[in-house]
Amino acid sequence: MEKYQRFDSCYGKIIDRCNTGVFVELDNGEIAFARSFHNLKAGSKVLCSVERMGSGYRKPVVTIDSVIKYVPYFSKIDEKGA
């Protein structure tokens, strides 16, 4: 796995979120964190830049530059057509 350096751009996929941001799986398989994007749902594809490298147990921090594919929330009621 090739690690990204600071200021590199890469594609990623949102895998989880919390109240402070989202966790992004980068296209090289590395897991990173992006602050203030907790409105994005899991499965959304994004273009991001590495802001800070991970060290020790800390994950790399990325900024999301653009949303390529937004995954909207669908409830089971919407799927049934009610």
PDB file of N, CA and C in Angstrom:
ATOM      1  N   MET A   1       0.840  -1.173   0.000  1.00  0.00           N
ATOM      2  CA  MET A   1       0.000   0.000   0.000  1.00  0.00           C
ATOM      3  C   MET A   1       0.890   1.242   0.000  1.00  0.00           C
ATOM      4  N   GLU A   2       0.681   2.092  -0.964  1.00  0.00           N
ATOM      5  CA  GLU A   2       1.427   3.339  -1.051  1.00  0.00           C
ATOM      6  C   GLU A   2       0.701   4.394  -0.227  1.00  0.00           C
ATOM      7  N   LYS A   3       1.396   5.004   0.704  1.00  0.00           N
ATOM      8  CA  LYS A   3       0.781   6.027   1.550  1.00  0.00           C
ATOM      9  C   LYS A   3       0.845   7.379   0.857  1.00  0.00           C
ATOM     10  N   TYR A   4      -0.179   8.169   1.072  1.00  0.00           N
ATOM     11  CA  TYR A   4      -0.211   9.515   0.516  1.00  0.00           C
ATOM     12  C   TYR A   4       0.614  10.456   1.381  1.00  0.00           C
ATOM     13  N   GLN A   5       1.162  11.475   0.766  1.00  0.00           N
ATOM     14  CA  GLN A   5       1.906  12.509   1.464  1.00  0.00           C
ATOM     15  C   GLN A   5       1.009  13.727   1.633  1.00  0.00           C
ATOM     16  N   ARG A   6       1.470  14.670   2.422  1.00  0.00           N
ATOM     17  CA  ARG A   6       0.701  15.880   2.666  1.00  0.00           C
ATOM     18  C   ARG A   6       0.471  16.628   1.355  1.00  0.00           C
ATOM     19  N   PHE A   7      -0.722  17.161   1.176  1.00  0.00           N
ATOM     20  CA  PHE A   7      -1.186  17.926   0.011  1.00  0.00           C
ATOM     21  C   PHE A   7      -1.466  17.059  -1.215  1.00  0.00           C
ATOM     22  N   ASP A   8      -1.405  15.735  -1.105  1.00  0.00           N
ATOM     23  CA  ASP A   8      -1.806  14.862  -2.213  1.00  0.00           C
ATOM     24  C   ASP A   8      -3.328  14.860  -2.330  1.00  0.00           C
ATOM     25  N   SER A   9      -3.827  14.708  -3.545  1.00  0.00           N
ATOM     26  CA  SER A   9      -5.270  14.567  -3.774  1.00  0.00           C
ATOM     27  C   SER A   9      -5.580  13.122  -4.073  1.00  0.00           C
ATOM     28  N   CYS A  10      -6.757  12.671  -3.647  1.00  0.00           N
ATOM     29  CA  CYS A  10      -7.135  11.279  -3.850  1.00  0.00           C
ATOM     30  C   CYS A  10      -8.656  11.150  -3.812  1.00  0.00           C
ATOM     31  N   TYR A  11      -9.131  10.012  -4.263  1.00  0.00           N
ATOM     32  CA  TYR A  11     -10.544   9.692  -4.197  1.00  0.00           C
ATOM     33  C   TYR A  11     -10.800   8.908  -2.920  1.00  0.00           C
ATOM     34  N   GLY A  12     -12.017   9.010  -2.421  1.00  0.00           N
ATOM     35  CA  GLY A  12     -12.363   8.279  -1.219  1.00  0.00           C
ATOM     36  C   GLY A  12     -13.842   7.963  -1.178  1.00  0.00           C
ATOM     37  N   LYS A  13     -14.201   7.118  -0.224  1.00  0.00           N
ATOM     38  CA  LYS A  13     -15.588   6.708  -0.037  1.00  0.00           C
ATOM     39  C   LYS A  13     -15.916   6.834   1.444  1.00  0.00           C
ATOM     40  N   ILE A  14     -17.034   7.472   1.757  1.00  0.00           N
ATOM     41  CA  ILE A  14     -17.450   7.640   3.138  1.00  0.00           C
ATOM     42  C   ILE A  14     -17.881   6.281   3.678  1.00  0.00           C
ATOM     43  N   ILE A  15     -17.302   5.877   4.818  1.00  0.00           N
ATOM     44  CA  ILE A  15     -17.665   4.576   5.386  1.00  0.00           C
ATOM     45  C   ILE A  15     -18.438   4.690   6.693  1.00  0.00           C
ATOM     46  N   ASP A  16     -18.258   5.795   7.418  1.00  0.00           N
ATOM     47  CA  ASP A  16     -18.963   5.982   8.681  1.00  0.00           C
ATOM     48  C   ASP A  16     -18.919   7.448   9.049  1.00  0.00           C
ATOM     49  N   ARG A  17     -19.769   7.846   9.989  1.00  0.00           N
ATOM     50  CA  ARG A  17     -19.757   9.228  10.421  1.00  0.00           C
ATOM     51  C   ARG A  17     -20.012   9.313  11.918  1.00  0.00           C
ATOM     52  N   CYS A  18     -19.606  10.429  12.495  1.00  0.00           N
ATOM     53  CA  CYS A  18     -19.861  10.701  13.904  1.00  0.00           C
ATOM     54  C   CYS A  18     -20.309  12.155  14.007  1.00  0.00           C
ATOM     55  N   ASN A  19     -20.454  12.677  15.222  1.00  0.00           N
ATOM     56  CA  ASN A  19     -20.974  14.039  15.347  1.00  0.00           C
ATOM     57  C   ASN A  19     -19.958  15.115  15.004  1.00  0.00           C
ATOM     58  N   THR A  20     -18.694  14.775  14.811  1.00  0.00           N
ATOM     59  CA  THR A  20     -17.688  15.781  14.456  1.00  0.00           C
ATOM     60  C   THR A  20     -17.194  15.665  13.019  1.00  0.00           C
ATOM     61  N   GLY A  21     -17.486  14.593  12.327  1.00  0.00           N
ATOM     62  CA  GLY A  21     -17.014  14.442  10.954  1.00  0.00           C
ATOM     63  C   GLY A  21     -17.307  13.064  10.396  1.00  0.00           C
ATOM     64  N   VAL A  22     -16.541  12.676   9.370  1.00  0.00           N
ATOM     65  CA  VAL A  22     -16.750  11.388   8.703  1.00  0.00           C
ATOM     66  C   VAL A  22     -15.423  10.640   8.570  1.00  0.00           C
ATOM     67  N   PHE A  23     -15.532   9.335   8.460  1.00  0.00           N
ATOM     68  CA  PHE A  23     -14.379   8.486   8.193  1.00  0.00           C
ATOM     69  C   PHE A  23     -14.407   8.117   6.716  1.00  0.00           C
ATOM     70  N   VAL A  24     -13.263   8.281   6.058  1.00  0.00           N
ATOM     71  CA  VAL A  24     -13.161   8.100   4.617  1.00  0.00           C
ATOM     72  C   VAL A  24     -12.169   6.984   4.328  1.00  0.00           C
ATOM     73  N   GLU A  25     -12.590   6.035   3.470  1.00  0.00           N
ATOM     74  CA  GLU A  25     -11.656   5.018   2.988  1.00  0.00           C
ATOM     75  C   GLU A  25     -11.061   5.539   1.688  1.00  0.00           C
ATOM     76  N   LEU A  26      -9.763   5.818   1.718  1.00  0.00           N
ATOM     77  CA  LEU A  26      -9.089   6.349   0.544  1.00  0.00           C
ATOM     78  C   LEU A  26      -8.905   5.254  -0.496  1.00  0.00           C
ATOM     79  N   ASP A  27      -8.617   5.632  -1.735  1.00  0.00           N
ATOM     80  CA  ASP A  27      -8.514   4.643  -2.807  1.00  0.00           C
ATOM     81  C   ASP A  27      -7.315   3.718  -2.662  1.00  0.00           C
ATOM     82  N   ASN A  28      -6.408   3.988  -1.732  1.00  0.00           N
ATOM     83  CA  ASN A  28      -5.318   3.045  -1.481  1.00  0.00           C
ATOM     84  C   ASN A  28      -5.622   2.124  -0.300  1.00  0.00           C
ATOM     85  N   GLY A  29      -6.824   2.205   0.268  1.00  0.00           N
ATOM     86  CA  GLY A  29      -7.239   1.339   1.362  1.00  0.00           C
ATOM     87  C   GLY A  29      -7.036   1.920   2.743  1.00  0.00           C
ATOM     88  N   GLU A  30      -6.410   3.071   2.836  1.00  0.00           N
ATOM     89  CA  GLU A  30      -6.142   3.716   4.116  1.00  0.00           C
ATOM     90  C   GLU A  30      -7.409   4.406   4.622  1.00  0.00           C
ATOM     91  N   ILE A  31      -7.609   4.432   5.940  1.00  0.00           N
ATOM     92  CA  ILE A  31      -8.751   5.093   6.551  1.00  0.00           C
ATOM     93  C   ILE A  31      -8.308   6.459   7.055  1.00  0.00           C
ATOM     94  N   ALA A  32      -9.078   7.500   6.723  1.00  0.00           N
ATOM     95  CA  ALA A  32      -8.761   8.868   7.130  1.00  0.00           C
ATOM     96  C   ALA A  32      -9.995   9.502   7.756  1.00  0.00           C
ATOM     97  N   PHE A  33      -9.816  10.680   8.327  1.00  0.00           N
ATOM     98  CA  PHE A  33     -10.904  11.403   8.983  1.00  0.00           C
ATOM     99  C   PHE A  33     -11.041  12.788   8.360  1.00  0.00           C
ATOM    100  N   ALA A  34     -12.286  13.221   8.144  1.00  0.00           N
ATOM    101  CA  ALA A  34     -12.569  14.565   7.631  1.00  0.00           C
ATOM    102  C   ALA A  34     -13.533  15.249   8.584  1.00  0.00           C
ATOM    103  N   ARG A  35     -13.155  16.424   9.068  1.00  0.00           N
ATOM    104  CA  ARG A  35     -14.007  17.169   9.991  1.00  0.00           C
ATOM    105  C   ARG A  35     -15.125  17.891   9.245  1.00  0.00           C
ATOM    106  N   SER A  36     -16.232  18.112   9.962  1.00  0.00           N
ATOM    107  CA  SER A  36     -17.328  18.977   9.520  1.00  0.00           C
ATOM    108  C   SER A  36     -18.065  18.520   8.267  1.00  0.00           C
ATOM    109  N   PHE A  37     -18.023  17.260   7.945  1.00  0.00           N
ATOM    110  CA  PHE A  37     -18.790  16.758   6.800  1.00  0.00           C
ATOM    111  C   PHE A  37     -19.737  15.649   7.247  1.00  0.00           C
ATOM    112  N   HIS A  38     -20.298  15.776   8.437  1.00  0.00           N
ATOM    113  CA  HIS A  38     -21.163  14.732   8.971  1.00  0.00           C
ATOM    114  C   HIS A  38     -22.528  14.679   8.292  1.00  0.00           C
ATOM    115  N   ASN A  39     -22.792  15.548   7.324  1.00  0.00           N
ATOM    116  CA  ASN A  39     -24.036  15.470   6.557  1.00  0.00           C
ATOM    117  C   ASN A  39     -23.954  14.471   5.408  1.00  0.00           C
ATOM    118  N   LEU A  40     -22.753  13.977   5.084  1.00  0.00           N
ATOM    119  CA  LEU A  40     -22.601  12.998   4.003  1.00  0.00           C
ATOM    120  C   LEU A  40     -22.925  11.600   4.511  1.00  0.00           C
ATOM    121  N   LYS A  41     -23.622  10.847   3.716  1.00  0.00           N
ATOM    122  CA  LYS A  41     -24.024   9.488   4.093  1.00  0.00           C
ATOM    123  C   LYS A  41     -22.962   8.479   3.678  1.00  0.00           C
ATOM    124  N   ALA A  42     -22.970   7.325   4.321  1.00  0.00           N
ATOM    125  CA  ALA A  42     -22.041   6.242   3.982  1.00  0.00           C
ATOM    126  C   ALA A  42     -22.288   5.810   2.540  1.00  0.00           C
ATOM    127  N   GLY A  43     -21.221   5.624   1.787  1.00  0.00           N
ATOM    128  CA  GLY A  43     -21.311   5.230   0.390  1.00  0.00           C
ATOM    129  C   GLY A  43     -21.072   6.373  -0.580  1.00  0.00           C
ATOM    130  N   SER A  44     -21.096   7.612  -0.096  1.00  0.00           N
ATOM    131  CA  SER A  44     -20.833   8.758  -0.962  1.00  0.00           C
ATOM    132  C   SER A  44     -19.373   8.756  -1.393  1.00  0.00           C
ATOM    133  N   LYS A  45     -19.127   9.108  -2.647  1.00  0.00           N
ATOM    134  CA  LYS A  45     -17.761   9.158  -3.171  1.00  0.00           C
ATOM    135  C   LYS A  45     -17.314  10.615  -3.213  1.00  0.00           C
ATOM    136  N   VAL A  46     -16.067  10.852  -2.781  1.00  0.00           N
ATOM    137  CA  VAL A  46     -15.564  12.213  -2.653  1.00  0.00           C
ATOM    138  C   VAL A  46     -14.155  12.332  -3.223  1.00  0.00           C
ATOM    139  N   LEU A  47     -13.770  13.562  -3.517  1.00  0.00           N
ATOM    140  CA  LEU A  47     -12.406  13.904  -3.884  1.00  0.00           C
ATOM    141  C   LEU A  47     -11.840  14.689  -2.710  1.00  0.00           C
ATOM    142  N   CYS A  48     -10.700  14.262  -2.193  1.00  0.00           N
ATOM    143  CA  CYS A  48     -10.174  14.897  -0.989  1.00  0.00           C
ATOM    144  C   CYS A  48      -8.682  15.137  -1.099  1.00  0.00           C
ATOM    145  N   SER A  49      -8.185  16.005  -0.208  1.00  0.00           N
ATOM    146  CA  SER A  49      -6.761  16.333  -0.116  1.00  0.00           C
ATOM    147  C   SER A  49      -6.272  16.000   1.284  1.00  0.00           C
ATOM    148  N   VAL A  50      -5.053  15.480   1.376  1.00  0.00           N
ATOM    149  CA  VAL A  50      -4.481  15.116   2.668  1.00  0.00           C
ATOM    150  C   VAL A  50      -3.996  16.396   3.344  1.00  0.00           C
ATOM    151  N   GLU A  51      -4.536  16.658   4.527  1.00  0.00           N
ATOM    152  CA  GLU A  51      -4.172  17.851   5.278  1.00  0.00           C
ATOM    153  C   GLU A  51      -3.070  17.557   6.287  1.00  0.00           C
ATOM    154  N   ARG A  52      -3.162  16.400   6.951  1.00  0.00           N
ATOM    155  CA  ARG A  52      -2.182  16.031   7.960  1.00  0.00           C
ATOM    156  C   ARG A  52      -1.973  14.529   7.917  1.00  0.00           C
ATOM    157  N   MET A  53      -0.741  14.105   8.029  1.00  0.00           N
ATOM    158  CA  MET A  53      -0.407  12.686   7.997  1.00  0.00           C
ATOM    159  C   MET A  53      -0.753  12.045   9.335  1.00  0.00           C
ATOM    160  N   GLY A  54      -1.070  10.763   9.291  1.00  0.00           N
ATOM    161  CA  GLY A  54      -1.324  10.022  10.512  1.00  0.00           C
ATOM    162  C   GLY A  54      -0.016   9.654  11.191  1.00  0.00           C
ATOM    163  N   SER A  55      -0.058   9.603  12.519  1.00  0.00           N
ATOM    164  CA  SER A  55       1.136   9.205  13.260  1.00  0.00           C
ATOM    165  C   SER A  55       0.704   8.366  14.453  1.00  0.00           C
ATOM    166  N   GLY A  56       1.338   7.222  14.616  1.00  0.00           N
ATOM    167  CA  GLY A  56       0.977   6.344  15.716  1.00  0.00           C
ATOM    168  C   GLY A  56      -0.421   5.796  15.537  1.00  0.00           C
ATOM    169  N   TYR A  57      -1.272   6.041  16.500  1.00  0.00           N
ATOM    170  CA  TYR A  57      -2.648   5.551  16.434  1.00  0.00           C
ATOM    171  C   TYR A  57      -3.589   6.542  15.752  1.00  0.00           C
ATOM    172  N   ARG A  58      -3.111   7.734  15.434  1.00  0.00           N
ATOM    173  CA  ARG A  58      -3.964   8.746  14.801  1.00  0.00           C
ATOM    174  C   ARG A  58      -4.109   8.499  13.309  1.00  0.00           C
ATOM    175  N   LYS A  59      -5.305   8.747  12.826  1.00  0.00           N
ATOM    176  CA  LYS A  59      -5.586   8.597  11.406  1.00  0.00           C
ATOM    177  C   LYS A  59      -5.183   9.876  10.661  1.00  0.00           C
ATOM    178  N   PRO A  60      -4.892   9.749   9.370  1.00  0.00           N
ATOM    179  CA  PRO A  60      -4.640  10.965   8.585  1.00  0.00           C
ATOM    180  C   PRO A  60      -5.895  11.833   8.543  1.00  0.00           C
ATOM    181  N   VAL A  61      -5.714  13.128   8.436  1.00  0.00           N
ATOM    182  CA  VAL A  61      -6.830  14.066   8.345  1.00  0.00           C
ATOM    183  C   VAL A  61      -6.874  14.591   6.916  1.00  0.00           C
ATOM    184  N   VAL A  62      -8.060  14.535   6.315  1.00  0.00           N
ATOM    185  CA  VAL A  62      -8.244  15.009   4.948  1.00  0.00           C
ATOM    186  C   VAL A  62      -9.308  16.091   4.916  1.00  0.00           C
ATOM    187  N   THR A  63      -9.281  16.895   3.879  1.00  0.00           N
ATOM    188  CA  THR A  63     -10.356  17.842   3.617  1.00  0.00           C
ATOM    189  C   THR A  63     -11.075  17.382   2.358  1.00  0.00           C
ATOM    190  N   ILE A  64     -12.367  17.455   2.383  1.00  0.00           N
ATOM    191  CA  ILE A  64     -13.161  17.029   1.226  1.00  0.00           C
ATOM    192  C   ILE A  64     -13.307  18.229   0.296  1.00  0.00           C
ATOM    193  N   ASP A  65     -12.786  18.085  -0.913  1.00  0.00           N
ATOM    194  CA  ASP A  65     -12.811  19.167  -1.890  1.00  0.00           C
ATOM    195  C   ASP A  65     -14.084  19.154  -2.732  1.00  0.00           C
ATOM    196  N   SER A  66     -14.569  17.956  -3.049  1.00  0.00           N
ATOM    197  CA  SER A  66     -15.730  17.853  -3.918  1.00  0.00           C
ATOM    198  C   SER A  66     -16.454  16.536  -3.663  1.00  0.00           C
ATOM    199  N   VAL A  67     -17.760  16.554  -3.811  1.00  0.00           N
ATOM    200  CA  VAL A  67     -18.559  15.335  -3.701  1.00  0.00           C
ATOM    201  C   VAL A  67     -18.842  14.855  -5.115  1.00  0.00           C
ATOM    202  N   ILE A  68     -18.378  13.650  -5.423  1.00  0.00           N
ATOM    203  CA  ILE A  68     -18.549  13.096  -6.763  1.00  0.00           C
ATOM    204  C   ILE A  68     -19.901  12.410  -6.894  1.00  0.00           C
ATOM    205  N   LYS A  69     -20.251  11.608  -5.887  1.00  0.00           N
ATOM    206  CA  LYS A  69     -21.535  10.911  -5.908  1.00  0.00           C
ATOM    207  C   LYS A  69     -22.129  10.979  -4.516  1.00  0.00           C
ATOM    208  N   TYR A  70     -23.279  11.614  -4.402  1.00  0.00           N
ATOM    209  CA  TYR A  70     -23.961  11.751  -3.119  1.00  0.00           C
ATOM    210  C   TYR A  70     -24.976  10.625  -2.984  1.00  0.00           C
ATOM    211  N   VAL A  71     -24.936   9.920  -1.874  1.00  0.00           N
ATOM    212  CA  VAL A  71     -25.887   8.843  -1.615  1.00  0.00           C
ATOM    213  C   VAL A  71     -26.965   9.398  -0.699  1.00  0.00           C
ATOM    214  N   PRO A  72     -28.168   9.622  -1.213  1.00  0.00           N
ATOM    215  CA  PRO A  72     -29.232  10.167  -0.362  1.00  0.00           C
ATOM    216  C   PRO A  72     -29.797   9.110   0.570  1.00  0.00           C
ATOM    217  N   TYR A  73     -30.468   9.553   1.592  1.00  0.00           N
ATOM    218  CA  TYR A  73     -31.093   8.651   2.552  1.00  0.00           C
ATOM    219  C   TYR A  73     -32.464   8.248   2.035  1.00  0.00           C
ATOM    220  N   PHE A  74     -32.717   6.964   1.959  1.00  0.00           N
ATOM    221  CA  PHE A  74     -34.029   6.448   1.568  1.00  0.00           C
ATOM    222  C   PHE A  74     -34.569   5.620   2.707  1.00  0.00           C
ATOM    223  N   SER A  75     -35.787   5.908   3.131  1.00  0.00           N
ATOM    224  CA  SER A  75     -36.413   5.102   4.175  1.00  0.00           C
ATOM    225  C   SER A  75     -37.141   3.940   3.517  1.00  0.00           C
ATOM    226  N   LYS A  76     -37.550   2.979   4.317  1.00  0.00           N
ATOM    227  CA  LYS A  76     -38.259   1.814   3.794  1.00  0.00           C
ATOM    228  C   LYS A  76     -39.627   2.219   3.249  1.00  0.00           C
ATOM    229  N   ILE A  77     -40.184   3.289   3.760  1.00  0.00           N
ATOM    230  CA  ILE A  77     -41.477   3.775   3.258  1.00  0.00           C
ATOM    231  C   ILE A  77     -41.312   4.261   1.821  1.00  0.00           C
ATOM    232  N   ASP A  78     -40.209   4.960   1.523  1.00  0.00           N
ATOM    233  CA  ASP A  78     -39.964   5.450   0.166  1.00  0.00           C
ATOM    234  C   ASP A  78     -39.773   4.300  -0.815  1.00  0.00           C
ATOM    235  N   GLU A  79     -39.138   3.203  -0.386  1.00  0.00           N
ATOM    236  CA  GLU A  79     -38.898   2.062  -1.263  1.00  0.00           C
ATOM    237  C   GLU A  79     -40.202   1.366  -1.639  1.00  0.00           C
ATOM    238  N   LYS A  80     -41.184   1.354  -0.739  1.00  0.00           N
ATOM    239  CA  LYS A  80     -42.460   0.704  -1.004  1.00  0.00           C
ATOM    240  C   LYS A  80     -43.357   1.555  -1.896  1.00  0.00           C
ATOM    241  N   GLY A  81     -43.054   2.835  -1.987  1.00  0.00           N
ATOM    242  CA  GLY A  81     -43.850   3.721  -2.830  1.00  0.00           C
ATOM    243  C   GLY A  81     -45.082   4.237  -2.132  1.00  0.00           C
ATOM    244  N   ALA A  82     -45.108   4.208  -0.814  1.00  0.00           N
ATOM    245  CA  ALA A  82     -46.273   4.673  -0.066  1.00  0.00           C
ATOM    246  C   ALA A  82     -46.272   6.162   0.089  1.00  0.00           C
TER     247      ALA A  82
END
